[in-house]
Amino acid sequence: MALSLLYSNDNPGKHAPSWYAASANPIGEFPALAGAEKYDVAVIGAGFSGLSSALHLAERGFKVCVLDAHRVGWGASGRNGGQVGSGQRVGQMELEQLVGDSLARQAFDIGIEAANTVRSLIKKHKIKCAYQDGVIHANHRSRFDKHALDEVEFMHKKYDYQSLSYVSPEAMAEKVSSPDFSAGTLDTACGHLHPLNFAIGLAKAAVKAGATIYENSEVTDLSPGKPASIKTATGEVTADWAILACNGYLGALDRKVADRVMPINNFVIATEPLGKDRARSIIRDNEAVADSRFVVNYFRLSEDHRMLFGGGESYGYRFPSDIKGFVRPHMIKLFPQLADTKVEYGWGGTLAITVNRLPHFEMRNDGIVNISGYSGSGVAMATMSGKIAAEAIGGQMERFDIMSQLPTPKFPGGAALRWPLLPLAMMWFAMLDRF
């Protein structure tokens, strides 16, 4: 059996040994697929994309199932930094240069609704996931400060986006107690949450709306068509539509998507509880923070006052043998005052990136719909992608068409050569971060 990211670093059917799993809301196991079943739509992957697709499709009256190789929220959706962004992963000034003003504005409006959709789903379905407003983008070099000022002015004047504000070096030092940062921006329309609990909440809402979830049901074969055939070791689903909501765990299911969407590994640690006072001495107002490095450091406080810190990446199949030791130096560099603090949890996960960090949307005549490639902005955009996929299958193509117009070039060499080429490129940009 070929090495697979579904099994390379984790125990089958078990969530990663994360603080999220240790503090997850209760949810019973769903059965594995058994025998032959017929649905209007089959969704592959029970993360934010897949669960949101199932919820919104069920609400529209479709008979829909979700198949996952492991558990609800098992992949990146249950392991990530929990940051809820707005807009697209690419800055709006850069996006305009890439696709023009009109498409950039349409994509931005969808990105704004993505964050709003997360909040509205939390409220509508009473999902307990500790949502908090505010995300800071912190500059690790003062030469980026002018760009931050220009971005704020641009977004205020051209987009009337008033939730974004400039954070001066002096204000940054008060907000985030790290010697590493100069100025930056604060977006109060963004936020952060407990991602696994959000995924669990989406799963419960989808089932309540009429969707069926199959866990421990790895899709081993996908035959496109009308209907499509989706096989597991213990059963088969036929469906008019198959939604690929696999993101970094797509594997060999679809070569066309794999040429454009590449998995990379990211890692997070959680300290022991710091106590409220000490925690707030580090991040005063409880915002989430991401820095300006190409290989981003991202961090926030948990609801029980731990530091949750993400840093470092890898590009092969295997995680580091000591994830705590791998990530901890990144944290200590930014926060030397945590040098004596115990790290209680360390875990990794696999997300998916595209060449230009824009998501890859594709609806094909063979019944395949792909939504993936969020490049680190998946909490909001993956949730929104499920809503948009449900609209499209229901006949409302406008927003799916907008997202599918965003260019997502193939990786050089496609799926075959992306592994050896990407680490070289990433090491180059990581070197630029240091110098």
Protein backbone atom coordinates (compact mmCIF):
# COMPACT_ATOMS: atom_id res chain seq x y z
CA MET A 1 0.00 0.00 0.00
CA ALA A 2 1.38 3.40 -1.00
CA LEU A 3 2.22 5.82 1.77
CA SER A 4 -0.82 7.99 2.48
CA LEU A 5 -1.24 11.17 4.50
CA LEU A 6 -4.44 9.63 5.83
CA TYR A 7 -2.36 7.10 7.77
CA SER A 8 1.26 8.30 7.84
CA ASN A 9 1.10 10.22 11.12
CA ASP A 10 -2.15 9.27 12.88
CA ASN A 11 -4.04 6.37 14.35
CA PRO A 12 -7.02 5.27 12.23
CA GLY A 13 -10.31 6.63 13.48
CA LYS A 14 -8.66 8.68 16.24
CA HIS A 15 -8.32 12.45 16.45
CA ALA A 16 -4.81 13.88 16.70
CA PRO A 17 -3.50 14.18 20.30
CA SER A 18 -4.29 17.90 20.40
CA TRP A 19 -5.64 20.25 23.02
CA TYR A 20 -8.65 20.58 20.74
CA ALA A 21 -9.41 16.86 20.97
CA ALA A 22 -8.86 16.93 24.74
CA SER A 23 -11.39 19.77 25.10
CA ALA A 24 -13.87 18.74 22.40
CA ASN A 25 -17.63 18.79 22.85
CA PRO A 26 -19.12 15.30 23.01
CA ILE A 27 -20.35 13.66 19.81
CA GLY A 28 -21.05 9.99 19.21
CA GLU A 29 -19.42 8.01 16.42
CA PHE A 30 -21.23 7.73 13.10
CA PRO A 31 -21.42 4.32 11.40
CA ALA A 32 -19.28 3.21 8.49
CA LEU A 33 -20.88 2.84 5.09
CA ALA A 34 -22.26 -0.68 4.63
CA GLY A 35 -23.71 -1.94 1.36
CA ALA A 36 -25.05 0.05 -1.60
CA GLU A 37 -26.71 3.43 -1.14
CA LYS A 38 -28.10 6.09 -3.49
CA TYR A 39 -27.93 9.83 -2.80
CA ASP A 40 -28.41 13.05 -4.72
CA VAL A 41 -25.00 14.26 -3.54
CA ALA A 42 -22.06 12.43 -1.96
CA VAL A 43 -19.49 14.57 -0.17
CA ILE A 44 -16.00 13.19 0.38
CA GLY A 45 -14.44 14.68 3.52
CA ALA A 46 -16.04 15.63 6.85
CA GLY A 47 -14.18 18.89 7.44
CA PHE A 48 -15.53 22.43 7.18
CA SER A 49 -16.05 22.21 3.39
CA GLY A 50 -17.80 18.88 3.46
CA LEU A 51 -19.93 19.49 6.53
CA SER A 52 -20.99 22.94 5.33
CA SER A 53 -21.86 21.46 1.92
CA ALA A 54 -23.96 18.77 3.56
CA LEU A 55 -25.72 21.21 5.87
CA HIS A 56 -26.62 23.68 3.13
CA LEU A 57 -27.63 20.94 0.68
CA ALA A 58 -29.84 19.23 3.25
CA GLU A 59 -31.49 22.55 4.01
CA ARG A 60 -32.27 22.82 0.28
CA GLY A 61 -33.95 19.42 0.32
CA PHE A 62 -31.20 17.29 -1.23
CA LYS A 63 -30.52 13.76 -0.05
CA VAL A 64 -26.85 14.03 0.88
CA CYS A 65 -24.21 11.93 2.60
CA VAL A 66 -20.69 12.67 3.85
CA LEU A 67 -17.94 10.04 3.79
CA ASP A 68 -14.79 10.39 5.86
CA ALA A 69 -11.85 8.03 6.24
CA HIS A 70 -11.70 8.76 9.96
CA ARG A 71 -13.87 11.05 12.11
CA VAL A 72 -15.76 14.32 11.78
CA GLY A 73 -13.21 17.16 11.88
CA TRP A 74 -10.32 14.68 11.81
CA GLY A 75 -8.15 16.58 9.29
CA ALA A 76 -7.05 20.20 9.17
CA SER A 77 -10.52 21.39 10.19
CA GLY A 78 -10.00 19.97 13.67
CA ARG A 79 -6.31 20.85 14.07
CA ASN A 80 -5.72 24.37 12.72
CA GLY A 81 -4.96 27.69 14.38
CA GLY A 82 -8.64 28.60 14.63
CA GLN A 83 -8.27 31.98 12.92
CA VAL A 84 -11.35 33.22 11.07
CA GLY A 85 -10.24 35.56 8.27
CA SER A 86 -12.26 37.81 6.02
CA GLY A 87 -11.67 38.58 2.36
CA GLN A 88 -9.39 36.29 0.40
CA ARG A 89 -6.04 34.78 1.41
CA VAL A 90 -4.34 37.18 -1.03
CA GLY A 91 -4.32 40.86 -0.04
CA GLN A 92 -6.82 42.97 -1.93
CA MET A 93 -4.28 45.24 -3.62
CA GLU A 94 -2.43 42.18 -4.90
CA LEU A 95 -5.67 40.50 -5.95
CA GLU A 96 -6.69 43.50 -8.04
CA GLN A 97 -3.37 43.35 -9.87
CA LEU A 98 -3.88 39.63 -10.47
CA VAL A 99 -7.50 39.51 -11.67
CA GLY A 100 -8.66 43.11 -12.17
CA ASP A 101 -10.87 45.36 -10.07
CA SER A 102 -14.26 43.83 -10.87
CA LEU A 103 -13.47 40.17 -10.11
CA ALA A 104 -11.34 41.18 -7.12
CA ARG A 105 -14.26 43.08 -5.59
CA GLN A 106 -16.66 40.19 -6.17
CA ALA A 107 -14.22 37.76 -4.57
CA PHE A 108 -13.68 40.16 -1.66
CA ASP A 109 -17.43 40.40 -1.02
CA ILE A 110 -17.60 36.60 -0.89
CA GLY A 111 -14.66 36.59 1.53
CA ILE A 112 -16.42 39.07 3.79
CA GLU A 113 -19.54 36.94 3.77
CA ALA A 114 -17.39 33.91 4.63
CA ALA A 115 -16.50 35.33 8.06
CA ASN A 116 -20.09 36.47 8.56
CA THR A 117 -21.32 32.98 7.65
CA VAL A 118 -19.16 31.41 10.35
CA ARG A 119 -20.61 33.77 12.94
CA SER A 120 -24.19 33.27 11.73
CA LEU A 121 -23.86 29.46 11.80
CA ILE A 122 -22.48 29.62 15.34
CA LYS A 123 -25.45 31.72 16.39
CA LYS A 124 -28.13 29.82 14.45
CA HIS A 125 -27.04 26.38 15.61
CA LYS A 126 -25.85 27.42 19.06
CA ILE A 127 -22.36 26.01 18.46
CA LYS A 128 -20.16 26.23 21.55
CA CYS A 129 -16.73 27.00 20.09
CA ALA A 130 -15.49 30.04 22.10
CA TYR A 131 -15.62 32.55 19.23
CA GLN A 132 -13.75 35.84 19.85
CA ASP A 133 -13.43 38.90 17.59
CA GLY A 134 -10.14 40.29 16.30
CA VAL A 135 -7.08 39.21 14.29
CA ILE A 136 -3.78 41.12 14.28
CA HIS A 137 -1.32 40.93 11.40
CA ALA A 138 2.04 41.74 12.98
CA ASN A 139 5.06 42.88 10.96
CA HIS A 140 8.31 41.11 11.82
CA ARG A 141 10.23 43.82 9.89
CA SER A 142 9.69 47.57 10.13
CA ARG A 143 10.08 47.89 6.37
CA PHE A 144 6.58 46.38 6.07
CA ASP A 145 4.98 49.14 8.16
CA LYS A 146 4.37 51.53 5.26
CA HIS A 147 2.59 48.79 3.34
CA ALA A 148 0.33 48.23 6.36
CA LEU A 149 -0.53 51.95 6.41
CA ASP A 150 -1.15 51.97 2.67
CA GLU A 151 -3.34 48.88 2.91
CA VAL A 152 -5.53 50.41 5.60
CA GLU A 153 -5.96 53.62 3.62
CA PHE A 154 -6.70 51.66 0.43
CA MET A 155 -9.32 49.46 2.11
CA HIS A 156 -11.00 52.43 3.79
CA LYS A 157 -11.20 54.58 0.67
CA LYS A 158 -11.86 52.05 -2.10
CA TYR A 159 -13.81 49.35 -0.24
CA ASP A 160 -15.23 51.31 2.70
CA TYR A 161 -13.85 48.52 4.86
CA GLN A 162 -13.68 50.24 8.22
CA SER A 163 -13.02 47.21 10.43
CA LEU A 164 -9.33 47.27 9.42
CA SER A 165 -7.09 49.65 11.38
CA TYR A 166 -3.38 50.43 11.60
CA VAL A 167 -1.53 49.36 14.74
CA SER A 168 1.53 51.52 15.36
CA PRO A 169 4.76 50.03 16.76
CA GLU A 170 3.94 51.57 20.13
CA ALA A 171 0.41 50.16 20.12
CA MET A 172 1.67 46.76 18.95
CA ALA A 173 4.05 46.60 21.91
CA GLU A 174 1.09 47.15 24.23
CA LYS A 175 -1.14 44.64 22.46
CA VAL A 176 1.39 41.83 21.90
CA SER A 177 4.27 41.49 24.36
CA SER A 178 6.98 40.36 21.93
CA PRO A 179 10.27 42.03 20.95
CA ASP A 180 9.84 40.59 17.44
CA PHE A 181 7.20 42.94 16.04
CA SER A 182 7.01 46.45 14.65
CA ALA A 183 3.64 47.75 13.41
CA GLY A 184 0.74 45.93 11.76
CA THR A 185 -3.01 45.87 11.32
CA LEU A 186 -6.04 44.80 13.33
CA ASP A 187 -9.20 43.47 11.70
CA THR A 188 -12.20 43.35 14.03
CA ALA A 189 -14.35 41.61 11.39
CA CYS A 190 -12.09 38.58 11.80
CA GLY A 191 -11.84 36.37 14.85
CA HIS A 192 -10.82 33.02 16.31
CA LEU A 193 -12.50 29.90 17.66
CA HIS A 194 -12.09 26.27 18.74
CA PRO A 195 -12.02 24.66 15.28
CA LEU A 196 -12.82 21.08 16.25
CA ASN A 197 -15.83 22.19 18.26
CA PHE A 198 -16.97 24.28 15.29
CA ALA A 199 -16.68 21.20 13.04
CA ILE A 200 -18.60 19.10 15.56
CA GLY A 201 -21.30 21.76 15.67
CA LEU A 202 -21.57 21.75 11.87
CA ALA A 203 -21.87 17.95 11.87
CA LYS A 204 -24.69 18.01 14.41
CA ALA A 205 -26.48 20.73 12.44
CA ALA A 206 -26.09 18.81 9.15
CA VAL A 207 -27.52 15.61 10.65
CA LYS A 208 -30.40 17.55 12.18
CA ALA A 209 -31.12 19.01 8.74
CA GLY A 210 -31.29 15.49 7.26
CA ALA A 211 -27.77 14.70 6.07
CA THR A 212 -26.14 11.30 6.67
CA ILE A 213 -22.54 11.01 7.88
CA TYR A 214 -20.39 7.90 7.45
CA GLU A 215 -17.16 7.76 9.46
CA ASN A 216 -14.28 5.28 9.08
CA SER A 217 -15.25 5.09 5.41
CA GLU A 218 -12.24 5.86 3.27
CA VAL A 219 -13.12 6.37 -0.40
CA THR A 220 -10.95 3.93 -2.32
CA ASP A 221 -12.33 4.54 -5.81
CA LEU A 222 -14.16 7.42 -7.47
CA SER A 223 -15.69 6.89 -10.91
CA PRO A 224 -17.06 10.17 -12.30
CA GLY A 225 -20.32 10.23 -14.17
CA LYS A 226 -24.04 10.81 -13.88
CA PRO A 227 -24.34 9.04 -11.54
CA ALA A 228 -20.88 8.92 -10.00
CA SER A 229 -19.75 5.80 -8.16
CA ILE A 230 -17.95 6.21 -4.84
CA LYS A 231 -16.56 3.03 -3.31
CA THR A 232 -15.23 2.21 0.15
CA ALA A 233 -13.97 -1.07 1.55
CA THR A 234 -17.46 -1.88 2.85
CA GLY A 235 -19.88 -0.25 0.45
CA GLU A 236 -20.70 1.89 -2.55
CA VAL A 237 -22.59 5.14 -3.02
CA THR A 238 -24.02 6.28 -6.33
CA ALA A 239 -24.85 9.96 -6.59
CA ASP A 240 -25.70 12.58 -9.20
CA TRP A 241 -22.92 14.76 -7.79
CA ALA A 242 -19.72 14.04 -5.91
CA ILE A 243 -18.10 16.90 -3.97
CA LEU A 244 -14.37 16.63 -3.35
CA ALA A 245 -13.94 18.30 0.04
CA CYS A 246 -10.65 16.55 0.79
CA ASN A 247 -8.22 19.51 0.70
CA GLY A 248 -4.80 18.20 1.83
CA TYR A 249 -5.98 14.59 2.05
CA LEU A 250 -7.10 14.20 -1.59
CA GLY A 251 -4.38 11.66 -2.34
CA ALA A 252 -4.82 10.01 -5.74
CA LEU A 253 -8.60 10.40 -6.00
CA ASP A 254 -8.43 13.07 -8.71
CA ARG A 255 -5.29 13.91 -10.70
CA LYS A 256 -6.73 17.12 -12.19
CA VAL A 257 -7.20 18.66 -8.76
CA ALA A 258 -3.91 17.26 -7.43
CA ASP A 259 -1.99 19.15 -10.12
CA ARG A 260 -3.25 22.43 -8.60
CA VAL A 261 -3.75 21.69 -4.90
CA MET A 262 -0.78 20.50 -2.85
CA PRO A 263 -0.65 19.21 0.74
CA ILE A 264 1.78 20.65 3.26
CA ASN A 265 2.11 19.93 6.97
CA ASN A 266 1.81 22.47 9.76
CA PHE A 267 2.28 22.14 13.51
CA VAL A 268 0.78 23.58 16.70
CA ILE A 269 1.64 23.41 20.38
CA ALA A 270 -0.35 24.27 23.48
CA THR A 271 1.30 25.34 26.72
CA GLU A 272 0.09 24.59 30.18
CA PRO A 273 -2.58 27.07 31.41
CA LEU A 274 -0.91 30.42 32.09
CA GLY A 275 -3.65 31.95 34.18
CA LYS A 276 -5.72 34.86 32.89
CA ASP A 277 -3.43 37.64 34.09
CA ARG A 278 -0.25 36.17 32.62
CA ALA A 279 -2.01 35.22 29.39
CA ARG A 280 -3.36 38.74 28.95
CA SER A 281 0.07 40.19 29.67
CA ILE A 282 1.14 38.47 26.44
CA ILE A 283 -1.90 39.21 24.24
CA ARG A 284 -3.68 42.03 26.01
CA ASP A 285 -7.06 42.00 24.23
CA ASN A 286 -7.31 38.30 23.35
CA GLU A 287 -7.01 38.73 19.58
CA ALA A 288 -5.45 36.09 17.38
CA VAL A 289 -2.14 37.03 15.74
CA ALA A 290 -0.35 36.05 12.54
CA ASP A 291 3.00 37.50 11.55
CA SER A 292 4.40 38.67 8.21
CA ARG A 293 6.83 35.82 7.62
CA PHE A 294 6.43 33.72 4.49
CA VAL A 295 6.36 30.67 6.78
CA VAL A 296 3.85 32.24 9.12
CA ASN A 297 3.85 32.08 12.91
CA TYR A 298 0.29 32.25 14.23
CA PHE A 299 -0.88 32.20 17.80
CA ARG A 300 -3.70 32.99 20.20
CA LEU A 301 -4.93 32.25 23.70
CA SER A 302 -7.28 29.38 24.44
CA GLU A 303 -10.38 29.79 26.55
CA ASP A 304 -8.49 28.22 29.46
CA HIS A 305 -5.59 30.69 28.97
CA ARG A 306 -3.02 28.52 27.23
CA MET A 307 -0.79 29.81 24.48
CA LEU A 308 -1.73 28.02 21.25
CA PHE A 309 1.21 28.56 18.91
CA GLY A 310 1.62 27.40 15.32
CA GLY A 311 4.96 27.52 13.55
CA GLY A 312 7.12 25.56 11.15
CA GLU A 313 6.15 23.52 8.10
CA SER A 314 7.20 20.29 6.40
CA TYR A 315 6.58 19.06 2.90
CA GLY A 316 6.96 15.28 2.99
CA TYR A 317 4.67 12.60 4.35
CA ARG A 318 6.12 12.30 7.84
CA PHE A 319 5.69 14.69 10.78
CA PRO A 320 8.71 15.45 13.00
CA SER A 321 9.23 12.83 15.68
CA ASP A 322 9.13 15.56 18.37
CA ILE A 323 6.51 18.14 17.37
CA LYS A 324 6.74 19.97 20.70
CA GLY A 325 10.50 20.35 20.26
CA PHE A 326 10.04 21.34 16.62
CA VAL A 327 7.63 24.23 17.31
CA ARG A 328 8.77 25.41 20.75
CA PRO A 329 11.86 27.36 19.52
CA HIS A 330 9.62 29.42 17.23
CA MET A 331 7.47 30.34 20.23
CA ILE A 332 10.42 31.17 22.48
CA LYS A 333 11.96 33.41 19.83
CA LEU A 334 8.80 35.53 19.85
CA PHE A 335 8.04 35.15 23.55
CA PRO A 336 11.21 34.58 25.61
CA GLN A 337 9.11 35.05 28.76
CA LEU A 338 7.62 31.60 28.05
CA ALA A 339 10.99 29.83 28.20
CA ASP A 340 10.13 28.19 31.53
CA THR A 341 6.61 27.24 30.49
CA LYS A 342 5.64 23.60 29.99
CA VAL A 343 4.31 22.57 26.59
CA GLU A 344 1.54 20.04 27.22
CA TYR A 345 0.32 19.27 23.68
CA GLY A 346 1.92 19.16 20.25
CA TRP A 347 0.24 18.04 17.04
CA GLY A 348 0.45 18.31 13.29
CA GLY A 349 -1.98 18.41 10.42
CA THR A 350 -2.09 18.64 6.65
CA LEU A 351 -3.56 21.59 4.81
CA ALA A 352 -3.51 22.35 1.10
CA ILE A 353 -2.02 25.27 -0.80
CA THR A 354 -2.21 26.50 -4.36
CA VAL A 355 0.54 28.26 -6.32
CA ASN A 356 -0.92 31.72 -5.74
CA ARG A 357 -2.79 30.93 -2.48
CA LEU A 358 -6.24 31.37 -4.06
CA PRO A 359 -8.80 28.57 -3.53
CA HIS A 360 -9.52 26.12 -6.33
CA PHE A 361 -13.21 25.81 -7.29
CA GLU A 362 -14.19 23.53 -10.14
CA MET A 363 -17.50 22.07 -11.37
CA ARG A 364 -17.16 19.50 -14.15
CA ASN A 365 -19.59 17.91 -16.59
CA ASP A 366 -18.73 14.50 -15.17
CA GLY A 367 -20.50 15.25 -11.90
CA ILE A 368 -17.39 16.21 -9.91
CA VAL A 369 -17.32 19.41 -7.85
CA ASN A 370 -14.06 20.43 -6.17
CA ILE A 371 -13.70 22.97 -3.35
CA SER A 372 -10.21 23.12 -1.80
CA GLY A 373 -6.83 24.82 -1.67
CA TYR A 374 -7.55 27.40 1.04
CA SER A 375 -3.86 27.92 1.78
CA GLY A 376 -4.28 28.59 5.48
CA SER A 377 -7.54 30.56 5.39
CA GLY A 378 -9.83 27.57 5.57
CA VAL A 379 -11.97 28.21 8.65
CA ALA A 380 -14.02 30.89 6.93
CA MET A 381 -13.48 30.14 3.24
CA ALA A 382 -13.95 26.38 3.54
CA THR A 383 -17.22 26.95 5.38
CA MET A 384 -18.28 29.42 2.72
CA SER A 385 -17.24 27.07 -0.08
CA GLY A 386 -19.75 24.49 1.13
CA LYS A 387 -22.48 27.09 1.03
CA ILE A 388 -21.48 28.10 -2.50
CA ALA A 389 -21.26 24.47 -3.70
CA ALA A 390 -24.79 23.87 -2.41
CA GLU A 391 -25.98 26.96 -4.28
CA ALA A 392 -24.36 25.72 -7.49
CA ILE A 393 -25.81 22.21 -7.29
CA GLY A 394 -29.16 23.87 -6.62
CA GLY A 395 -28.83 25.82 -9.87
CA GLN A 396 -27.52 29.15 -8.57
CA MET A 397 -24.13 29.36 -10.25
CA GLU A 398 -23.26 33.04 -9.79
CA ARG A 399 -20.93 32.83 -6.82
CA PHE A 400 -19.41 29.51 -7.82
CA ASP A 401 -18.61 31.07 -11.20
CA ILE A 402 -16.89 34.00 -9.48
CA MET A 403 -14.70 31.73 -7.39
CA SER A 404 -13.90 29.40 -10.29
CA GLN A 405 -12.63 32.39 -12.29
CA LEU A 406 -9.85 32.95 -9.76
CA PRO A 407 -6.73 31.50 -11.39
CA THR A 408 -5.09 28.47 -9.77
CA PRO A 409 -2.14 27.44 -11.99
CA LYS A 410 -0.70 23.95 -11.96
CA PHE A 411 2.34 23.40 -9.78
CA PRO A 412 5.50 23.13 -11.87
CA GLY A 413 5.78 19.48 -12.80
CA GLY A 414 2.22 18.82 -11.66
CA ALA A 415 1.56 16.24 -8.96
CA ALA A 416 4.62 14.19 -9.93
CA LEU A 417 7.33 16.81 -9.36
CA ARG A 418 5.77 19.21 -6.87
CA TRP A 419 7.27 17.42 -3.84
CA PRO A 420 10.95 17.94 -4.75
CA LEU A 421 10.43 21.45 -6.14
CA LEU A 422 8.31 23.02 -3.38
CA PRO A 423 10.75 22.47 -0.47
CA LEU A 424 13.47 24.24 -2.45
CA ALA A 425 11.21 27.23 -3.01
CA MET A 426 10.01 27.28 0.59
CA MET A 427 13.55 27.12 1.97
CA TRP A 428 14.44 30.13 -0.18
CA PHE A 429 11.54 32.19 1.17
CA ALA A 430 12.27 31.05 4.73
CA MET A 431 15.83 32.32 4.27
CA LEU A 432 14.44 35.69 3.15
CA ASP A 433 12.37 35.76 6.36
CA ARG A 434 15.55 35.50 8.41
CA PHE A 435 17.46 38.14 6.50
